[in-house]
Amino acid sequence: MQLTTGTPLVELRSASFGYADRTVVSGVDLTVNAGEVVALLGPNGSGKSTLVRGVLGLAEQHGGEVLLLGTPRERFREHTRIGYVPQRHSLSASVRATVTEIVAVGRLPHRPWWAPASRTDRSIVRDAIEAVGLADRADEEVASLSGGQQRRVLIARALAGRPDLLVMDEPTAGVDHASQVALAEVLQRLAADGTSMVVVTHELDALHDVVTRIVCMDDGHIDLDGTPAQWAAHTGHTPGSGHHHADEPSPAPVRPGAVLGSGPLDPTAEAPRD
């Protein structure tokens, strides 16, 4: 499936999402276009994580329409075109694998399970590792890396799938300031290269030079959708001033070390931890 010029990457029309008989997000209209870096903000319980999970198929759709790359979500099959980086403080300490081996997992959906990695696969993996600034750590075990470096490994794994859209849940959470700065620099390079992103975050300070648009949620609805300047005027806070929102709790944790290699929209994928 080729993406027609001007076709939104994500389009929600009066969309509602929730869990079982509980609707958390209702009546949301939202469009994400190619080239945008959208920050999704909101206080605890606002529904921002549920909104992302609904788009990825990790929360139930209770109403409305969800179009992914122009295709209704229920008919969307090219799951690798949406890369997903779940929130987790680190990879499992029991994972005995190198950075290259973890990132190479992102290529698995692109070839038969029995086929070895091709020269193209290996080149893409190297490019992804270089994109997140870990080329000098490619052969090191991930367990030896810092939390911020491990987060970058997860971003590289998603990039190895060559997605049209990269969705990240709290990429800068749970790491020290230096790691947040390093992660923000990675995202800034990706944005400069034209990578489209949706970032759930409560730490806008680290990302204020990266995002092109801010969507604020409250009580399951969008109450602001605009530029960083419009957000600043609306809230009275300037990006970089230290203002942030707390994240909402997760209804279900990710199994430590779990790999969503078949794509986040696959029905067997597990919900991320907030």
C-alpha atoms as a PDB file:
ATOM      1  CA  MET A   1       0.000   0.000   0.000  1.00  0.00           C
ATOM      2  CA  GLN A   2       1.459   3.347  -1.034  1.00  0.00           C
ATOM      3  CA  LEU A   3       0.666   6.469   0.928  1.00  0.00           C
ATOM      4  CA  THR A   4      -0.986   9.031  -1.334  1.00  0.00           C
ATOM      5  CA  THR A   5       0.455  12.524  -1.054  1.00  0.00           C
ATOM      6  CA  GLY A   6      -1.593  14.459   1.481  1.00  0.00           C
ATOM      7  CA  THR A   7      -3.133  11.356   3.064  1.00  0.00           C
ATOM      8  CA  PRO A   8      -3.060  11.719   6.876  1.00  0.00           C
ATOM      9  CA  LEU A   9      -1.005   9.173   8.783  1.00  0.00           C
ATOM     10  CA  VAL A  10      -3.712   9.028  11.448  1.00  0.00           C
ATOM     11  CA  GLU A  11      -7.251  10.332  11.221  1.00  0.00           C
ATOM     12  CA  LEU A  12      -9.780  10.040  14.038  1.00  0.00           C
ATOM     13  CA  ARG A  13     -13.416  10.974  13.464  1.00  0.00           C
ATOM     14  CA  SER A  14     -15.549  11.146  16.621  1.00  0.00           C
ATOM     15  CA  ALA A  15     -13.446   8.257  17.918  1.00  0.00           C
ATOM     16  CA  SER A  16     -14.059   6.697  21.335  1.00  0.00           C
ATOM     17  CA  PHE A  17     -11.830   4.209  23.170  1.00  0.00           C
ATOM     18  CA  GLY A  18     -11.877   2.370  26.460  1.00  0.00           C
ATOM     19  CA  TYR A  19     -11.641  -0.948  28.240  1.00  0.00           C
ATOM     20  CA  ALA A  20     -14.532  -3.440  28.470  1.00  0.00           C
ATOM     21  CA  ASP A  21     -17.655  -1.366  29.216  1.00  0.00           C
ATOM     22  CA  ARG A  22     -15.733   1.720  30.384  1.00  0.00           C
ATOM     23  CA  THR A  23     -15.250   4.495  27.820  1.00  0.00           C
ATOM     24  CA  VAL A  24     -12.236   6.678  28.623  1.00  0.00           C
ATOM     25  CA  VAL A  25     -11.894   8.765  25.464  1.00  0.00           C
ATOM     26  CA  SER A  26     -14.963   9.902  23.532  1.00  0.00           C
ATOM     27  CA  GLY A  27     -15.796  11.953  20.454  1.00  0.00           C
ATOM     28  CA  VAL A  28     -12.207  12.759  19.479  1.00  0.00           C
ATOM     29  CA  ASP A  29     -11.368  14.311  16.119  1.00  0.00           C
ATOM     30  CA  LEU A  30      -7.653  14.311  15.379  1.00  0.00           C
ATOM     31  CA  THR A  31      -5.463  14.286  12.272  1.00  0.00           C
ATOM     32  CA  VAL A  32      -1.715  13.633  12.173  1.00  0.00           C
ATOM     33  CA  ASN A  33       0.022  14.468   8.904  1.00  0.00           C
ATOM     34  CA  ALA A  34       3.378  13.434   7.493  1.00  0.00           C
ATOM     35  CA  GLY A  35       6.281  15.489   8.797  1.00  0.00           C
ATOM     36  CA  GLU A  36       4.608  16.482  12.056  1.00  0.00           C
ATOM     37  CA  VAL A  37       6.012  15.902  15.538  1.00  0.00           C
ATOM     38  CA  VAL A  38       2.959  15.904  17.794  1.00  0.00           C
ATOM     39  CA  ALA A  39       3.240  15.999  21.581  1.00  0.00           C
ATOM     40  CA  LEU A  40       0.239  14.526  23.395  1.00  0.00           C
ATOM     41  CA  LEU A  41      -0.103  16.115  26.838  1.00  0.00           C
ATOM     42  CA  GLY A  42      -2.618  15.805  29.641  1.00  0.00           C
ATOM     43  CA  PRO A  43      -3.015  15.405  33.398  1.00  0.00           C
ATOM     44  CA  ASN A  44      -3.378  12.096  35.183  1.00  0.00           C
ATOM     45  CA  GLY A  45      -6.441  10.255  33.884  1.00  0.00           C
ATOM     46  CA  SER A  46      -6.977  12.613  30.934  1.00  0.00           C
ATOM     47  CA  GLY A  47      -7.077   9.748  28.428  1.00  0.00           C
ATOM     48  CA  LYS A  48      -3.962  10.517  26.391  1.00  0.00           C
ATOM     49  CA  SER A  49      -2.437   7.058  26.794  1.00  0.00           C
ATOM     50  CA  THR A  50      -5.796   5.422  26.105  1.00  0.00           C
ATOM     51  CA  LEU A  51      -6.077   7.496  22.931  1.00  0.00           C
ATOM     52  CA  VAL A  52      -2.708   6.216  21.687  1.00  0.00           C
ATOM     53  CA  ARG A  53      -3.549   2.653  22.706  1.00  0.00           C
ATOM     54  CA  GLY A  54      -6.798   2.939  20.821  1.00  0.00           C
ATOM     55  CA  VAL A  55      -4.990   4.011  17.675  1.00  0.00           C
ATOM     56  CA  LEU A  56      -2.556   1.100  18.072  1.00  0.00           C
ATOM     57  CA  GLY A  57      -5.298  -1.427  18.769  1.00  0.00           C
ATOM     58  CA  LEU A  58      -4.295  -1.915  22.420  1.00  0.00           C
ATOM     59  CA  ALA A  59      -7.541  -0.389  23.722  1.00  0.00           C
ATOM     60  CA  GLU A  60     -11.049  -1.150  22.497  1.00  0.00           C
ATOM     61  CA  GLN A  61     -12.682   1.140  19.959  1.00  0.00           C
ATOM     62  CA  HIS A  62     -16.106   2.076  21.287  1.00  0.00           C
ATOM     63  CA  GLY A  63     -17.211   4.292  18.435  1.00  0.00           C
ATOM     64  CA  GLY A  64     -16.284   6.595  15.585  1.00  0.00           C
ATOM     65  CA  GLU A  65     -13.735   5.994  12.841  1.00  0.00           C
ATOM     66  CA  VAL A  66      -9.989   5.342  12.921  1.00  0.00           C
ATOM     67  CA  LEU A  67      -8.069   5.626   9.658  1.00  0.00           C
ATOM     68  CA  LEU A  68      -4.403   4.613   9.516  1.00  0.00           C
ATOM     69  CA  LEU A  69      -2.526   5.755   6.420  1.00  0.00           C
ATOM     70  CA  GLY A  70      -5.912   6.148   4.755  1.00  0.00           C
ATOM     71  CA  THR A  71      -7.201   2.666   5.651  1.00  0.00           C
ATOM     72  CA  PRO A  72      -9.841   1.865   8.295  1.00  0.00           C
ATOM     73  CA  ARG A  73      -8.051   0.358  11.276  1.00  0.00           C
ATOM     74  CA  GLU A  74     -10.024  -2.889  11.142  1.00  0.00           C
ATOM     75  CA  ARG A  75      -8.686  -3.479   7.616  1.00  0.00           C
ATOM     76  CA  PHE A  76      -5.174  -2.174   8.227  1.00  0.00           C
ATOM     77  CA  ARG A  77      -2.585  -4.957   7.917  1.00  0.00           C
ATOM     78  CA  GLU A  78       0.755  -3.237   7.293  1.00  0.00           C
ATOM     79  CA  HIS A  79       1.458  -2.878  10.975  1.00  0.00           C
ATOM     80  CA  THR A  80       5.185  -2.264  10.595  1.00  0.00           C
ATOM     81  CA  ARG A  81       4.420   1.075   8.977  1.00  0.00           C
ATOM     82  CA  ILE A  82       3.650   2.375  12.459  1.00  0.00           C
ATOM     83  CA  GLY A  83       6.652   1.987  14.753  1.00  0.00           C
ATOM     84  CA  TYR A  84       5.962   1.834  18.477  1.00  0.00           C
ATOM     85  CA  VAL A  85       8.272   2.555  21.413  1.00  0.00           C
ATOM     86  CA  PRO A  86       6.547   1.584  24.688  1.00  0.00           C
ATOM     87  CA  GLN A  87       7.470   3.215  27.950  1.00  0.00           C
ATOM     88  CA  ARG A  88       9.716   1.161  30.177  1.00  0.00           C
ATOM     89  CA  HIS A  89      12.582   2.200  32.389  1.00  0.00           C
ATOM     90  CA  SER A  90      14.909  -0.369  30.866  1.00  0.00           C
ATOM     91  CA  LEU A  91      15.108  -3.629  29.017  1.00  0.00           C
ATOM     92  CA  SER A  92      15.008  -6.698  31.213  1.00  0.00           C
ATOM     93  CA  ALA A  93      18.304  -7.307  33.005  1.00  0.00           C
ATOM     94  CA  SER A  94      17.970 -10.956  31.959  1.00  0.00           C
ATOM     95  CA  VAL A  95      18.207 -10.057  28.266  1.00  0.00           C
ATOM     96  CA  ARG A  96      21.638 -11.276  27.091  1.00  0.00           C
ATOM     97  CA  ALA A  97      21.792  -9.627  23.708  1.00  0.00           C
ATOM     98  CA  THR A  98      23.802  -6.925  22.032  1.00  0.00           C
ATOM     99  CA  VAL A  99      22.482  -3.620  20.811  1.00  0.00           C
ATOM    100  CA  THR A 100      22.658  -4.898  17.233  1.00  0.00           C
ATOM    101  CA  GLU A 101      20.737  -8.064  18.099  1.00  0.00           C
ATOM    102  CA  ILE A 102      17.927  -6.117  19.800  1.00  0.00           C
ATOM    103  CA  VAL A 103      17.651  -3.578  16.980  1.00  0.00           C
ATOM    104  CA  ALA A 104      17.661  -6.382  14.391  1.00  0.00           C
ATOM    105  CA  VAL A 105      14.372  -7.618  15.891  1.00  0.00           C
ATOM    106  CA  GLY A 106      12.764  -4.643  14.151  1.00  0.00           C
ATOM    107  CA  ARG A 107      13.531  -6.266  10.787  1.00  0.00           C
ATOM    108  CA  LEU A 108      11.911  -9.634  11.554  1.00  0.00           C
ATOM    109  CA  PRO A 109       8.434  -8.748  10.221  1.00  0.00           C
ATOM    110  CA  HIS A 110       9.989  -7.848   6.867  1.00  0.00           C
ATOM    111  CA  ARG A 111      11.135 -11.341   5.934  1.00  0.00           C
ATOM    112  CA  PRO A 112      10.017 -14.972   6.333  1.00  0.00           C
ATOM    113  CA  TRP A 113      10.806 -16.349   9.785  1.00  0.00           C
ATOM    114  CA  TRP A 114      13.197 -18.886   8.302  1.00  0.00           C
ATOM    115  CA  ALA A 115      15.187 -16.457   6.146  1.00  0.00           C
ATOM    116  CA  PRO A 116      18.500 -15.056   7.429  1.00  0.00           C
ATOM    117  CA  ALA A 117      19.104 -11.310   7.567  1.00  0.00           C
ATOM    118  CA  SER A 118      20.000  -9.860   4.192  1.00  0.00           C
ATOM    119  CA  ARG A 119      22.672  -7.295   3.427  1.00  0.00           C
ATOM    120  CA  THR A 120      19.881  -4.695   3.256  1.00  0.00           C
ATOM    121  CA  ASP A 121      18.588  -5.748   6.688  1.00  0.00           C
ATOM    122  CA  ARG A 122      22.052  -5.401   8.214  1.00  0.00           C
ATOM    123  CA  SER A 123      22.537  -1.992   6.599  1.00  0.00           C
ATOM    124  CA  ILE A 124      19.194  -0.724   7.909  1.00  0.00           C
ATOM    125  CA  VAL A 125      20.031  -1.952  11.416  1.00  0.00           C
ATOM    126  CA  ARG A 126      23.386  -0.139  11.325  1.00  0.00           C
ATOM    127  CA  ASP A 127      21.684   3.054  10.121  1.00  0.00           C
ATOM    128  CA  ALA A 128      19.095   2.854  12.920  1.00  0.00           C
ATOM    129  CA  ILE A 129      21.777   2.405  15.572  1.00  0.00           C
ATOM    130  CA  GLU A 130      23.744   5.311  14.147  1.00  0.00           C
ATOM    131  CA  ALA A 131      20.591   7.468  14.072  1.00  0.00           C
ATOM    132  CA  VAL A 132      20.237   7.165  17.861  1.00  0.00           C
ATOM    133  CA  GLY A 133      23.909   7.824  18.506  1.00  0.00           C
ATOM    134  CA  LEU A 134      24.940   4.339  19.620  1.00  0.00           C
ATOM    135  CA  ALA A 135      27.203   3.245  16.768  1.00  0.00           C
ATOM    136  CA  ASP A 136      30.111   2.908  19.220  1.00  0.00           C
ATOM    137  CA  ARG A 137      27.999   0.601  21.433  1.00  0.00           C
ATOM    138  CA  ALA A 138      26.600  -1.657  18.701  1.00  0.00           C
ATOM    139  CA  ASP A 139      28.366  -4.785  19.945  1.00  0.00           C
ATOM    140  CA  GLU A 140      27.797  -4.199  23.662  1.00  0.00           C
ATOM    141  CA  GLU A 141      25.186  -6.072  25.681  1.00  0.00           C
ATOM    142  CA  VAL A 142      22.138  -3.926  26.393  1.00  0.00           C
ATOM    143  CA  ALA A 143      22.282  -4.852  30.090  1.00  0.00           C
ATOM    144  CA  SER A 144      25.512  -2.839  30.358  1.00  0.00           C
ATOM    145  CA  LEU A 145      23.889   0.363  29.069  1.00  0.00           C
ATOM    146  CA  SER A 146      22.277   3.152  31.050  1.00  0.00           C
ATOM    147  CA  GLY A 147      18.504   3.568  31.136  1.00  0.00           C
ATOM    148  CA  GLY A 148      18.644   6.418  28.643  1.00  0.00           C
ATOM    149  CA  GLN A 149      20.821   4.417  26.276  1.00  0.00           C
ATOM    150  CA  GLN A 150      18.465   1.452  26.521  1.00  0.00           C
ATOM    151  CA  ARG A 151      15.590   3.764  25.632  1.00  0.00           C
ATOM    152  CA  ARG A 152      17.519   4.760  22.531  1.00  0.00           C
ATOM    153  CA  VAL A 153      17.979   1.090  21.658  1.00  0.00           C
ATOM    154  CA  LEU A 154      14.180   0.696  21.702  1.00  0.00           C
ATOM    155  CA  ILE A 155      13.815   3.714  19.422  1.00  0.00           C
ATOM    156  CA  ALA A 156      16.386   2.224  17.044  1.00  0.00           C
ATOM    157  CA  ARG A 157      14.504  -1.086  17.045  1.00  0.00           C
ATOM    158  CA  ALA A 158      11.350   0.729  15.941  1.00  0.00           C
ATOM    159  CA  LEU A 159      13.284   2.715  13.321  1.00  0.00           C
ATOM    160  CA  ALA A 160      14.689  -0.508  11.863  1.00  0.00           C
ATOM    161  CA  GLY A 161      11.165  -1.299  10.659  1.00  0.00           C
ATOM    162  CA  ARG A 162      11.297   1.836   8.467  1.00  0.00           C
ATOM    163  CA  PRO A 163       7.908   3.089   9.721  1.00  0.00           C
ATOM    164  CA  ASP A 164       5.932   5.960   8.244  1.00  0.00           C
ATOM    165  CA  LEU A 165       5.023   7.063  11.777  1.00  0.00           C
ATOM    166  CA  LEU A 166       6.894   6.617  15.056  1.00  0.00           C
ATOM    167  CA  VAL A 167       4.733   6.539  18.197  1.00  0.00           C
ATOM    168  CA  MET A 168       6.544   6.910  21.523  1.00  0.00           C
ATOM    169  CA  ASP A 169       5.159   6.658  25.040  1.00  0.00           C
ATOM    170  CA  GLU A 170       7.130   8.824  27.488  1.00  0.00           C
ATOM    171  CA  PRO A 171      10.539   8.478  25.811  1.00  0.00           C
ATOM    172  CA  THR A 172      12.245  10.812  28.297  1.00  0.00           C
ATOM    173  CA  ALA A 173      10.582   9.547  31.498  1.00  0.00           C
ATOM    174  CA  GLY A 174      12.532   7.755  34.196  1.00  0.00           C
ATOM    175  CA  VAL A 175      15.997   8.857  33.073  1.00  0.00           C
ATOM    176  CA  ASP A 176      18.321  11.575  34.372  1.00  0.00           C
ATOM    177  CA  HIS A 177      18.609  15.048  32.882  1.00  0.00           C
ATOM    178  CA  ALA A 178      21.678  14.234  30.775  1.00  0.00           C
ATOM    179  CA  SER A 179      19.862  11.243  29.269  1.00  0.00           C
ATOM    180  CA  GLN A 180      16.791  13.378  28.597  1.00  0.00           C
ATOM    181  CA  VAL A 181      18.960  15.866  26.716  1.00  0.00           C
ATOM    182  CA  ALA A 182      20.562  13.048  24.705  1.00  0.00           C
ATOM    183  CA  LEU A 183      17.164  11.573  23.865  1.00  0.00           C
ATOM    184  CA  ALA A 184      15.830  14.983  22.855  1.00  0.00           C
ATOM    185  CA  GLU A 185      18.817  15.426  20.538  1.00  0.00           C
ATOM    186  CA  VAL A 186      18.052  12.058  18.951  1.00  0.00           C
ATOM    187  CA  LEU A 187      14.424  13.048  18.364  1.00  0.00           C
ATOM    188  CA  GLN A 188      15.531  16.407  16.987  1.00  0.00           C
ATOM    189  CA  ARG A 189      17.779  14.670  14.439  1.00  0.00           C
ATOM    190  CA  LEU A 190      14.957  12.327  13.468  1.00  0.00           C
ATOM    191  CA  ALA A 191      12.588  15.268  13.037  1.00  0.00           C
ATOM    192  CA  ALA A 192      15.157  17.092  10.908  1.00  0.00           C
ATOM    193  CA  ASP A 193      15.338  13.990   8.700  1.00  0.00           C
ATOM    194  CA  GLY A 194      11.562  14.132   8.228  1.00  0.00           C
ATOM    195  CA  THR A 195      10.498  11.402  10.660  1.00  0.00           C
ATOM    196  CA  SER A 196       6.839  11.805  11.658  1.00  0.00           C
ATOM    197  CA  MET A 197       6.219  11.282  15.371  1.00  0.00           C
ATOM    198  CA  VAL A 198       3.535  11.216  18.020  1.00  0.00           C
ATOM    199  CA  VAL A 199       5.018  11.527  21.503  1.00  0.00           C
ATOM    200  CA  VAL A 200       3.048  10.962  24.701  1.00  0.00           C
ATOM    201  CA  THR A 201       4.921  12.970  27.300  1.00  0.00           C
ATOM    202  CA  HIS A 202       4.619  14.883  30.527  1.00  0.00           C
ATOM    203  CA  GLU A 203       8.102  16.405  30.178  1.00  0.00           C
ATOM    204  CA  LEU A 204       7.706  18.957  27.435  1.00  0.00           C
ATOM    205  CA  ASP A 205      10.804  20.835  28.607  1.00  0.00           C
ATOM    206  CA  ALA A 206      13.134  18.273  27.031  1.00  0.00           C
ATOM    207  CA  LEU A 207      11.167  18.249  23.790  1.00  0.00           C
ATOM    208  CA  HIS A 208      10.126  21.866  23.341  1.00  0.00           C
ATOM    209  CA  ASP A 209      12.567  22.363  20.460  1.00  0.00           C
ATOM    210  CA  VAL A 210      11.382  19.180  18.738  1.00  0.00           C
ATOM    211  CA  VAL A 211       7.584  19.261  18.662  1.00  0.00           C
ATOM    212  CA  THR A 212       5.717  21.140  15.948  1.00  0.00           C
ATOM    213  CA  ARG A 213       2.275  20.705  17.474  1.00  0.00           C
ATOM    214  CA  ILE A 214       0.802  20.126  20.933  1.00  0.00           C
ATOM    215  CA  VAL A 215      -2.447  18.285  21.619  1.00  0.00           C
ATOM    216  CA  CYS A 216      -3.743  18.620  25.184  1.00  0.00           C
ATOM    217  CA  MET A 217      -6.306  16.244  26.631  1.00  0.00           C
ATOM    218  CA  ASP A 218      -8.561  16.555  29.657  1.00  0.00           C
ATOM    219  CA  ASP A 219     -11.323  14.242  30.835  1.00  0.00           C
ATOM    220  CA  GLY A 220     -11.214  12.127  27.688  1.00  0.00           C
ATOM    221  CA  HIS A 221     -11.489  15.062  25.279  1.00  0.00           C
ATOM    222  CA  ILE A 222      -9.081  17.303  23.381  1.00  0.00           C
ATOM    223  CA  ASP A 223      -9.116  20.809  24.827  1.00  0.00           C
ATOM    224  CA  LEU A 224      -6.268  22.280  22.772  1.00  0.00           C
ATOM    225  CA  ASP A 225      -4.706  21.420  19.427  1.00  0.00           C
ATOM    226  CA  GLY A 226      -2.188  23.940  18.213  1.00  0.00           C
ATOM    227  CA  THR A 227       1.381  25.140  17.905  1.00  0.00           C
ATOM    228  CA  PRO A 228       3.764  25.421  20.872  1.00  0.00           C
ATOM    229  CA  ALA A 229       3.152  29.184  20.823  1.00  0.00           C
ATOM    230  CA  GLN A 230      -0.616  28.663  20.997  1.00  0.00           C
ATOM    231  CA  TRP A 231      -0.136  26.174  23.844  1.00  0.00           C
ATOM    232  CA  ALA A 232       1.979  28.714  25.740  1.00  0.00           C
ATOM    233  CA  ALA A 233      -0.663  31.406  25.277  1.00  0.00           C
ATOM    234  CA  HIS A 234      -3.425  28.997  26.344  1.00  0.00           C
ATOM    235  CA  THR A 235      -1.693  27.714  29.481  1.00  0.00           C
ATOM    236  CA  GLY A 236       0.386  30.716  30.459  1.00  0.00           C
ATOM    237  CA  HIS A 237       3.527  28.564  30.453  1.00  0.00           C
ATOM    238  CA  THR A 238       6.470  28.789  28.135  1.00  0.00           C
ATOM    239  CA  PRO A 239       8.025  25.561  26.809  1.00  0.00           C
ATOM    240  CA  GLY A 240      11.233  24.976  28.745  1.00  0.00           C
ATOM    241  CA  SER A 241       9.871  26.666  31.891  1.00  0.00           C
ATOM    242  CA  GLY A 242       9.543  23.409  33.836  1.00  0.00           C
ATOM    243  CA  HIS A 243       5.772  22.957  33.460  1.00  0.00           C
ATOM    244  CA  HIS A 244       4.606  19.417  32.893  1.00  0.00           C
ATOM    245  CA  HIS A 245       1.674  17.084  33.336  1.00  0.00           C
ATOM    246  CA  ALA A 246       1.661  13.776  35.166  1.00  0.00           C
ATOM    247  CA  ASP A 247       0.951  10.685  33.154  1.00  0.00           C
ATOM    248  CA  GLU A 248      -2.050   8.435  33.618  1.00  0.00           C
ATOM    249  CA  PRO A 249      -1.736   4.938  35.091  1.00  0.00           C
ATOM    250  CA  SER A 250      -1.703   1.874  32.876  1.00  0.00           C
ATOM    251  CA  PRO A 251      -4.465  -0.739  32.941  1.00  0.00           C
ATOM    252  CA  ALA A 252      -1.987  -3.503  32.124  1.00  0.00           C
ATOM    253  CA  PRO A 253       1.828  -3.810  32.249  1.00  0.00           C
ATOM    254  CA  VAL A 254       4.126  -5.032  29.540  1.00  0.00           C
ATOM    255  CA  ARG A 255       5.885  -8.302  30.247  1.00  0.00           C
ATOM    256  CA  PRO A 256       9.578  -7.482  30.963  1.00  0.00           C
ATOM    257  CA  GLY A 257      11.648  -7.976  27.834  1.00  0.00           C
ATOM    258  CA  ALA A 258       8.549  -8.432  25.658  1.00  0.00           C
ATOM    259  CA  VAL A 259       9.022  -7.686  21.981  1.00  0.00           C
ATOM    260  CA  LEU A 260       6.166  -6.347  19.894  1.00  0.00           C
ATOM    261  CA  GLY A 261       7.942  -7.370  16.729  1.00  0.00           C
ATOM    262  CA  SER A 262       4.770  -8.082  14.767  1.00  0.00           C
ATOM    263  CA  GLY A 263       3.608  -4.500  15.154  1.00  0.00           C
ATOM    264  CA  PRO A 264       1.610  -2.690  17.854  1.00  0.00           C
ATOM    265  CA  LEU A 265      -1.659  -3.156  15.998  1.00  0.00           C
ATOM    266  CA  ASP A 266      -1.367  -6.912  16.106  1.00  0.00           C
ATOM    267  CA  PRO A 267      -4.168  -8.251  18.353  1.00  0.00           C
ATOM    268  CA  THR A 268      -1.678 -10.279  20.397  1.00  0.00           C
ATOM    269  CA  ALA A 269       0.360  -7.223  21.370  1.00  0.00           C
ATOM    270  CA  GLU A 270       0.333  -6.250  25.036  1.00  0.00           C
ATOM    271  CA  ALA A 271      -0.478  -2.827  26.419  1.00  0.00           C
ATOM    272  CA  PRO A 272       2.469  -0.602  27.384  1.00  0.00           C
ATOM    273  CA  ARG A 273       3.266   0.532  30.884  1.00  0.00           C
ATOM    274  CA  ASP A 274       2.655   4.207  31.622  1.00  0.00           C
END
